[in-house]
Amino acid sequence: MYPRANTLGMLVKDNDLLLEEQKGKHSKGIGFYYPPIGGTIKLGERSNQTLVREFSEELGVEIIVRRYISCIENIFKIDENIGHEITQIYFVDFKDRYLYQKEHFTVTEGNKITRAKWVSKEEIFLGEKVFYPNGLIELLKQEI
């Protein structure tokens, strides 16, 4: 198995972040966890282009990639399986300002349907929600 190159878009509204609510096994146990919207970078695709595609495919919305933040390397373990991601992180905005008024969004990825919702930065920073990837909290505390 090789590391996976992916990209995530940090969408901020006031004191909230738009995060996908997922449920299942994760490196800290079983239950809900909250990653930003994004996905795997395809061969020949730049990471900022991946974000535009992923937000369109998964949420059906258009975004503007505002600013590159950093790269995070996340090595984690779920059960006996090791995962390894190299993740490009960006700040993004909705093209349509009306979308900031929506409370949640349906996220469709293949046959899997979840939802994205606004989660307060305080809940994330205080560890009240399980947030992924590892290392992103520390990075966001410096940037937001």
N, C-alpha and C. Protein backbone atom coordinates (compact mmCIF):
# COMPACT_ATOMS: atom_id res chain seq x y z
N MET A 1 0.85 -1.18 0.00
CA MET A 1 0.00 0.00 0.00
C MET A 1 0.89 1.24 0.00
N TYR A 2 0.48 2.27 -0.70
CA TYR A 2 1.23 3.50 -0.81
C TYR A 2 0.47 4.64 -0.15
N PRO A 3 1.14 5.74 0.17
CA PRO A 3 0.43 6.91 0.70
C PRO A 3 -0.58 7.42 -0.34
N ARG A 4 -1.65 8.00 0.17
CA ARG A 4 -2.69 8.58 -0.68
C ARG A 4 -2.52 10.09 -0.67
N ALA A 5 -2.48 10.69 -1.85
CA ALA A 5 -2.42 12.15 -1.97
C ALA A 5 -3.85 12.66 -2.05
N ASN A 6 -4.20 13.55 -1.13
CA ASN A 6 -5.56 14.12 -1.16
C ASN A 6 -5.51 15.60 -0.83
N THR A 7 -6.66 16.23 -0.87
CA THR A 7 -6.76 17.66 -0.61
C THR A 7 -8.06 17.94 0.12
N LEU A 8 -8.04 18.94 1.00
CA LEU A 8 -9.20 19.31 1.80
C LEU A 8 -9.42 20.82 1.73
N GLY A 9 -10.69 21.22 1.72
CA GLY A 9 -11.06 22.63 1.66
C GLY A 9 -11.68 23.08 2.96
N MET A 10 -11.07 24.07 3.59
CA MET A 10 -11.59 24.64 4.83
C MET A 10 -12.52 25.79 4.47
N LEU A 11 -13.80 25.60 4.75
CA LEU A 11 -14.81 26.60 4.48
C LEU A 11 -15.26 27.16 5.82
N VAL A 12 -15.06 28.46 6.03
CA VAL A 12 -15.30 29.09 7.33
C VAL A 12 -16.47 30.07 7.22
N LYS A 13 -17.36 30.02 8.22
CA LYS A 13 -18.46 30.99 8.35
C LYS A 13 -18.47 31.45 9.80
N ASP A 14 -18.14 32.72 10.04
CA ASP A 14 -18.07 33.25 11.40
C ASP A 14 -17.15 32.37 12.24
N ASN A 15 -17.68 31.69 13.25
CA ASN A 15 -16.88 30.81 14.11
C ASN A 15 -17.09 29.34 13.80
N ASP A 16 -17.61 29.04 12.61
CA ASP A 16 -17.94 27.67 12.24
C ASP A 16 -17.14 27.19 11.04
N LEU A 17 -16.95 25.88 10.98
CA LEU A 17 -16.31 25.22 9.84
C LEU A 17 -17.31 24.26 9.21
N LEU A 18 -17.34 24.17 7.89
CA LEU A 18 -18.19 23.20 7.21
C LEU A 18 -17.46 21.87 7.18
N LEU A 19 -18.03 20.87 7.88
CA LEU A 19 -17.40 19.55 8.00
C LEU A 19 -18.39 18.46 7.66
N GLU A 20 -17.88 17.37 7.10
CA GLU A 20 -18.72 16.22 6.81
C GLU A 20 -18.87 15.39 8.08
N GLU A 21 -20.10 15.03 8.41
CA GLU A 21 -20.36 14.18 9.57
C GLU A 21 -20.39 12.74 9.12
N GLN A 22 -19.39 11.96 9.56
CA GLN A 22 -19.31 10.56 9.20
C GLN A 22 -19.40 9.72 10.47
N LYS A 23 -19.82 8.48 10.33
CA LYS A 23 -19.92 7.58 11.48
C LYS A 23 -19.29 6.25 11.13
N GLY A 24 -18.50 5.72 12.05
CA GLY A 24 -17.87 4.43 11.83
C GLY A 24 -16.58 4.32 12.61
N LYS A 25 -15.74 3.35 12.21
CA LYS A 25 -14.44 3.16 12.86
C LYS A 25 -13.49 4.25 12.40
N HIS A 26 -12.73 4.76 13.34
CA HIS A 26 -11.67 5.71 13.03
C HIS A 26 -10.52 5.44 13.98
N SER A 27 -9.44 6.17 13.82
CA SER A 27 -8.22 5.86 14.60
C SER A 27 -8.37 6.13 16.09
N LYS A 28 -9.44 6.82 16.49
CA LYS A 28 -9.65 7.08 17.92
C LYS A 28 -10.80 6.26 18.50
N GLY A 29 -11.35 5.34 17.70
CA GLY A 29 -12.42 4.49 18.20
C GLY A 29 -13.53 4.29 17.18
N ILE A 30 -14.77 4.27 17.68
CA ILE A 30 -15.95 4.10 16.84
C ILE A 30 -16.92 5.22 17.18
N GLY A 31 -17.56 5.78 16.16
CA GLY A 31 -18.55 6.83 16.38
C GLY A 31 -18.44 7.90 15.31
N PHE A 32 -18.93 9.09 15.65
CA PHE A 32 -18.91 10.20 14.70
C PHE A 32 -17.52 10.81 14.62
N TYR A 33 -17.16 11.24 13.41
CA TYR A 33 -15.94 12.01 13.20
C TYR A 33 -16.21 13.02 12.09
N TYR A 34 -15.38 14.07 12.04
CA TYR A 34 -15.69 15.24 11.22
C TYR A 34 -14.49 15.71 10.40
N PRO A 35 -14.35 15.25 9.16
CA PRO A 35 -13.32 15.78 8.28
C PRO A 35 -13.88 16.91 7.41
N PRO A 36 -13.01 17.80 6.91
CA PRO A 36 -13.45 18.78 5.92
C PRO A 36 -13.79 18.09 4.60
N ILE A 37 -14.40 18.82 3.70
CA ILE A 37 -14.75 18.30 2.37
C ILE A 37 -13.49 18.24 1.51
N GLY A 38 -13.35 17.19 0.74
CA GLY A 38 -12.21 17.04 -0.16
C GLY A 38 -12.16 15.64 -0.71
N GLY A 39 -10.99 15.26 -1.21
CA GLY A 39 -10.88 13.93 -1.75
C GLY A 39 -9.52 13.65 -2.35
N THR A 40 -9.43 12.50 -3.01
CA THR A 40 -8.19 12.01 -3.59
C THR A 40 -7.84 12.78 -4.86
N ILE A 41 -6.58 13.14 -4.97
CA ILE A 41 -6.08 13.84 -6.15
C ILE A 41 -5.86 12.80 -7.26
N LYS A 42 -6.45 13.07 -8.42
CA LYS A 42 -6.28 12.17 -9.57
C LYS A 42 -4.96 12.48 -10.27
N LEU A 43 -4.39 11.46 -10.90
CA LEU A 43 -3.15 11.62 -11.66
C LEU A 43 -3.32 12.74 -12.69
N GLY A 44 -2.40 13.70 -12.69
CA GLY A 44 -2.44 14.80 -13.65
C GLY A 44 -3.32 15.97 -13.21
N GLU A 45 -3.95 15.85 -12.05
CA GLU A 45 -4.85 16.90 -11.56
C GLU A 45 -4.15 17.66 -10.43
N ARG A 46 -4.18 18.96 -10.46
CA ARG A 46 -3.61 19.76 -9.38
C ARG A 46 -4.55 19.72 -8.18
N SER A 47 -4.00 19.84 -6.98
CA SER A 47 -4.80 19.70 -5.76
C SER A 47 -5.91 20.75 -5.67
N ASN A 48 -5.67 21.96 -6.14
CA ASN A 48 -6.74 22.98 -6.10
C ASN A 48 -7.86 22.63 -7.08
N GLN A 49 -7.53 22.00 -8.20
CA GLN A 49 -8.55 21.55 -9.16
C GLN A 49 -9.36 20.40 -8.56
N THR A 50 -8.70 19.55 -7.79
CA THR A 50 -9.39 18.44 -7.12
C THR A 50 -10.48 18.99 -6.20
N LEU A 51 -10.16 20.04 -5.46
CA LEU A 51 -11.16 20.63 -4.55
C LEU A 51 -12.39 21.12 -5.30
N VAL A 52 -12.18 21.82 -6.40
CA VAL A 52 -13.30 22.33 -7.19
C VAL A 52 -14.16 21.15 -7.65
N ARG A 53 -13.51 20.09 -8.14
CA ARG A 53 -14.24 18.90 -8.61
C ARG A 53 -14.98 18.21 -7.46
N GLU A 54 -14.30 18.01 -6.33
CA GLU A 54 -14.91 17.29 -5.21
C GLU A 54 -16.11 18.04 -4.63
N PHE A 55 -16.03 19.35 -4.45
CA PHE A 55 -17.17 20.11 -3.94
C PHE A 55 -18.34 20.03 -4.93
N SER A 56 -18.04 20.04 -6.23
CA SER A 56 -19.10 19.94 -7.24
C SER A 56 -19.73 18.55 -7.22
N GLU A 57 -18.91 17.50 -7.19
CA GLU A 57 -19.43 16.12 -7.20
C GLU A 57 -20.16 15.77 -5.91
N GLU A 58 -19.59 16.13 -4.77
CA GLU A 58 -20.12 15.68 -3.49
C GLU A 58 -21.24 16.56 -2.94
N LEU A 59 -21.15 17.87 -3.14
CA LEU A 59 -22.15 18.79 -2.59
C LEU A 59 -23.00 19.45 -3.67
N GLY A 60 -22.55 19.39 -4.92
CA GLY A 60 -23.28 20.05 -6.00
C GLY A 60 -23.15 21.57 -5.94
N VAL A 61 -22.00 22.07 -5.45
CA VAL A 61 -21.79 23.52 -5.33
C VAL A 61 -20.48 23.92 -5.99
N GLU A 62 -20.41 25.21 -6.34
CA GLU A 62 -19.17 25.77 -6.89
C GLU A 62 -18.44 26.52 -5.80
N ILE A 63 -17.11 26.38 -5.81
CA ILE A 63 -16.29 27.08 -4.83
C ILE A 63 -15.20 27.90 -5.52
N ILE A 64 -14.62 28.80 -4.74
CA ILE A 64 -13.44 29.54 -5.15
C ILE A 64 -12.33 29.12 -4.18
N VAL A 65 -11.22 28.67 -4.72
CA VAL A 65 -10.08 28.32 -3.88
C VAL A 65 -9.38 29.64 -3.55
N ARG A 66 -9.43 29.99 -2.27
CA ARG A 66 -8.94 31.30 -1.84
C ARG A 66 -7.45 31.32 -1.57
N ARG A 67 -6.97 30.35 -0.74
CA ARG A 67 -5.57 30.42 -0.33
C ARG A 67 -5.08 29.06 0.12
N TYR A 68 -3.87 28.72 -0.29
CA TYR A 68 -3.20 27.51 0.17
C TYR A 68 -2.76 27.72 1.61
N ILE A 69 -2.96 26.71 2.47
CA ILE A 69 -2.54 26.81 3.86
C ILE A 69 -1.25 26.04 4.08
N SER A 70 -1.28 24.72 3.86
CA SER A 70 -0.11 23.91 4.14
C SER A 70 -0.37 22.47 3.68
N CYS A 71 0.62 21.63 3.92
CA CYS A 71 0.52 20.20 3.67
C CYS A 71 0.67 19.46 4.99
N ILE A 72 -0.15 18.44 5.19
CA ILE A 72 -0.10 17.61 6.39
C ILE A 72 0.16 16.17 5.97
N GLU A 73 1.05 15.52 6.67
CA GLU A 73 1.26 14.09 6.46
C GLU A 73 0.66 13.36 7.65
N ASN A 74 -0.34 12.53 7.40
CA ASN A 74 -1.09 11.85 8.45
C ASN A 74 -0.90 10.34 8.31
N ILE A 75 -0.27 9.74 9.32
CA ILE A 75 -0.13 8.29 9.38
C ILE A 75 -0.97 7.81 10.56
N PHE A 76 -1.90 6.90 10.30
CA PHE A 76 -2.84 6.49 11.33
C PHE A 76 -3.11 4.99 11.24
N LYS A 77 -3.74 4.47 12.28
CA LYS A 77 -4.03 3.04 12.33
C LYS A 77 -5.50 2.83 12.71
N ILE A 78 -6.20 2.01 11.96
CA ILE A 78 -7.57 1.58 12.28
C ILE A 78 -7.54 0.06 12.33
N ASP A 79 -7.83 -0.48 13.51
CA ASP A 79 -7.63 -1.90 13.76
C ASP A 79 -6.15 -2.20 13.50
N GLU A 80 -5.86 -3.13 12.61
CA GLU A 80 -4.47 -3.47 12.30
C GLU A 80 -4.00 -2.86 10.98
N ASN A 81 -4.85 -2.03 10.38
CA ASN A 81 -4.52 -1.43 9.08
C ASN A 81 -3.92 -0.05 9.26
N ILE A 82 -2.80 0.18 8.57
CA ILE A 82 -2.14 1.48 8.61
C ILE A 82 -2.59 2.30 7.41
N GLY A 83 -2.96 3.55 7.67
CA GLY A 83 -3.30 4.49 6.62
C GLY A 83 -2.24 5.58 6.56
N HIS A 84 -2.01 6.12 5.39
CA HIS A 84 -0.99 7.15 5.20
C HIS A 84 -1.49 8.12 4.15
N GLU A 85 -1.72 9.36 4.56
CA GLU A 85 -2.23 10.39 3.64
C GLU A 85 -1.29 11.59 3.64
N ILE A 86 -1.08 12.12 2.46
CA ILE A 86 -0.37 13.39 2.29
C ILE A 86 -1.41 14.36 1.76
N THR A 87 -1.76 15.36 2.60
CA THR A 87 -2.94 16.18 2.36
C THR A 87 -2.60 17.65 2.16
N GLN A 88 -3.04 18.19 1.03
CA GLN A 88 -2.92 19.62 0.75
C GLN A 88 -4.16 20.31 1.33
N ILE A 89 -3.95 21.40 2.08
CA ILE A 89 -5.05 22.10 2.76
C ILE A 89 -5.18 23.51 2.19
N TYR A 90 -6.44 23.90 1.88
CA TYR A 90 -6.73 25.22 1.33
C TYR A 90 -7.91 25.86 2.08
N PHE A 91 -7.95 27.19 2.08
CA PHE A 91 -9.16 27.91 2.44
C PHE A 91 -9.96 28.08 1.16
N VAL A 92 -11.27 27.82 1.24
CA VAL A 92 -12.15 27.97 0.08
C VAL A 92 -13.39 28.76 0.48
N ASP A 93 -14.07 29.31 -0.51
CA ASP A 93 -15.33 30.04 -0.31
C ASP A 93 -16.37 29.50 -1.28
N PHE A 94 -17.64 29.61 -0.90
CA PHE A 94 -18.73 29.33 -1.84
C PHE A 94 -18.76 30.45 -2.88
N LYS A 95 -19.02 30.11 -4.15
CA LYS A 95 -19.24 31.13 -5.17
C LYS A 95 -20.56 31.85 -4.89
N ASP A 96 -21.58 31.07 -4.51
CA ASP A 96 -22.91 31.61 -4.22
C ASP A 96 -22.99 31.93 -2.73
N ARG A 97 -23.02 33.20 -2.37
CA ARG A 97 -23.02 33.62 -0.96
C ARG A 97 -24.25 33.11 -0.20
N TYR A 98 -25.33 32.83 -0.91
CA TYR A 98 -26.56 32.31 -0.29
C TYR A 98 -26.30 30.98 0.43
N LEU A 99 -25.37 30.21 -0.07
CA LEU A 99 -25.09 28.89 0.51
C LEU A 99 -24.62 28.96 1.96
N TYR A 100 -24.07 30.09 2.37
CA TYR A 100 -23.64 30.23 3.77
C TYR A 100 -24.83 30.21 4.73
N GLN A 101 -26.05 30.44 4.21
CA GLN A 101 -27.24 30.44 5.05
C GLN A 101 -27.78 29.02 5.30
N LYS A 102 -27.37 28.06 4.48
CA LYS A 102 -27.85 26.68 4.65
C LYS A 102 -27.24 26.07 5.90
N GLU A 103 -28.03 25.30 6.63
CA GLU A 103 -27.55 24.67 7.86
C GLU A 103 -26.76 23.40 7.60
N HIS A 104 -27.16 22.65 6.57
CA HIS A 104 -26.44 21.42 6.23
C HIS A 104 -26.57 21.13 4.75
N PHE A 105 -25.72 20.21 4.28
CA PHE A 105 -25.66 19.84 2.88
C PHE A 105 -25.62 18.33 2.77
N THR A 106 -26.24 17.78 1.75
CA THR A 106 -26.14 16.35 1.48
C THR A 106 -24.82 16.10 0.74
N VAL A 107 -24.07 15.12 1.22
CA VAL A 107 -22.80 14.76 0.61
C VAL A 107 -22.97 13.40 -0.04
N THR A 108 -22.76 13.35 -1.35
CA THR A 108 -22.91 12.11 -2.10
C THR A 108 -21.56 11.70 -2.67
N GLU A 109 -21.11 10.52 -2.30
CA GLU A 109 -19.86 9.98 -2.82
C GLU A 109 -20.12 8.54 -3.23
N GLY A 110 -20.34 8.34 -4.53
CA GLY A 110 -20.72 7.01 -5.02
C GLY A 110 -22.07 6.63 -4.44
N ASN A 111 -22.15 5.47 -3.77
CA ASN A 111 -23.39 5.02 -3.13
C ASN A 111 -23.53 5.51 -1.70
N LYS A 112 -22.51 6.15 -1.19
CA LYS A 112 -22.51 6.62 0.20
C LYS A 112 -23.08 8.04 0.29
N ILE A 113 -24.05 8.20 1.19
CA ILE A 113 -24.66 9.52 1.40
C ILE A 113 -24.51 9.90 2.87
N THR A 114 -23.90 11.06 3.10
CA THR A 114 -23.75 11.60 4.45
C THR A 114 -24.23 13.05 4.41
N ARG A 115 -23.83 13.83 5.40
CA ARG A 115 -24.16 15.24 5.35
C ARG A 115 -23.00 16.06 5.89
N ALA A 116 -22.96 17.30 5.42
CA ALA A 116 -21.98 18.25 5.93
C ALA A 116 -22.77 19.30 6.69
N LYS A 117 -22.18 19.78 7.79
CA LYS A 117 -22.86 20.78 8.60
C LYS A 117 -21.83 21.73 9.20
N TRP A 118 -22.32 22.85 9.69
CA TRP A 118 -21.46 23.83 10.33
C TRP A 118 -21.17 23.37 11.76
N VAL A 119 -19.89 23.28 12.10
CA VAL A 119 -19.45 22.87 13.43
C VAL A 119 -18.60 24.00 14.00
N SER A 120 -18.85 24.37 15.24
CA SER A 120 -18.11 25.50 15.82
C SER A 120 -16.64 25.16 16.00
N LYS A 121 -15.79 26.14 15.77
CA LYS A 121 -14.35 25.96 15.96
C LYS A 121 -14.06 25.56 17.40
N GLU A 122 -14.82 26.08 18.34
CA GLU A 122 -14.59 25.76 19.75
C GLU A 122 -14.77 24.26 20.01
N GLU A 123 -15.83 23.66 19.42
CA GLU A 123 -16.06 22.22 19.59
C GLU A 123 -14.86 21.41 19.07
N ILE A 124 -14.28 21.88 17.97
CA ILE A 124 -13.13 21.21 17.38
C ILE A 124 -11.90 21.45 18.24
N PHE A 125 -11.62 22.71 18.56
CA PHE A 125 -10.40 23.05 19.29
C PHE A 125 -10.39 22.46 20.70
N LEU A 126 -11.57 22.31 21.33
CA LEU A 126 -11.65 21.75 22.67
C LEU A 126 -11.71 20.21 22.67
N GLY A 127 -11.75 19.62 21.48
CA GLY A 127 -11.78 18.16 21.38
C GLY A 127 -13.14 17.55 21.62
N GLU A 128 -14.20 18.37 21.54
CA GLU A 128 -15.56 17.85 21.75
C GLU A 128 -16.05 17.04 20.55
N LYS A 129 -15.46 17.25 19.38
CA LYS A 129 -15.77 16.48 18.17
C LYS A 129 -14.46 15.85 17.69
N VAL A 130 -14.54 14.64 17.16
CA VAL A 130 -13.37 13.97 16.61
C VAL A 130 -13.15 14.55 15.21
N PHE A 131 -12.02 15.19 15.03
CA PHE A 131 -11.70 15.95 13.82
C PHE A 131 -10.52 15.32 13.11
N TYR A 132 -10.62 15.21 11.80
CA TYR A 132 -9.54 14.63 11.00
C TYR A 132 -9.15 15.57 9.89
N PRO A 133 -7.95 15.49 9.38
CA PRO A 133 -6.88 14.56 9.75
C PRO A 133 -6.10 15.04 10.97
N ASN A 134 -5.32 14.12 11.55
CA ASN A 134 -4.47 14.46 12.68
C ASN A 134 -3.52 15.58 12.27
N GLY A 135 -3.33 16.54 13.16
CA GLY A 135 -2.45 17.67 12.89
C GLY A 135 -3.14 18.89 12.34
N LEU A 136 -4.38 18.74 11.86
CA LEU A 136 -5.07 19.89 11.27
C LEU A 136 -5.52 20.89 12.32
N ILE A 137 -5.88 20.44 13.52
CA ILE A 137 -6.30 21.36 14.57
C ILE A 137 -5.18 22.35 14.87
N GLU A 138 -3.97 21.86 15.07
CA GLU A 138 -2.84 22.72 15.38
C GLU A 138 -2.59 23.73 14.27
N LEU A 139 -2.70 23.29 13.04
CA LEU A 139 -2.51 24.16 11.89
C LEU A 139 -3.57 25.25 11.86
N LEU A 140 -4.84 24.88 12.07
CA LEU A 140 -5.94 25.85 12.03
C LEU A 140 -5.84 26.88 13.17
N LYS A 141 -5.39 26.46 14.32
CA LYS A 141 -5.22 27.41 15.43
C LYS A 141 -4.26 28.54 15.06
N GLN A 142 -3.29 28.26 14.21
CA GLN A 142 -2.35 29.27 13.76
C GLN A 142 -2.95 30.15 12.67
N GLU A 143 -3.87 29.58 11.87
CA GLU A 143 -4.38 30.26 10.67
C GLU A 143 -5.68 31.04 10.88
N ILE A 144 -6.50 30.59 11.83
CA ILE A 144 -7.83 31.21 11.99
C ILE A 144 -7.82 32.14 13.18
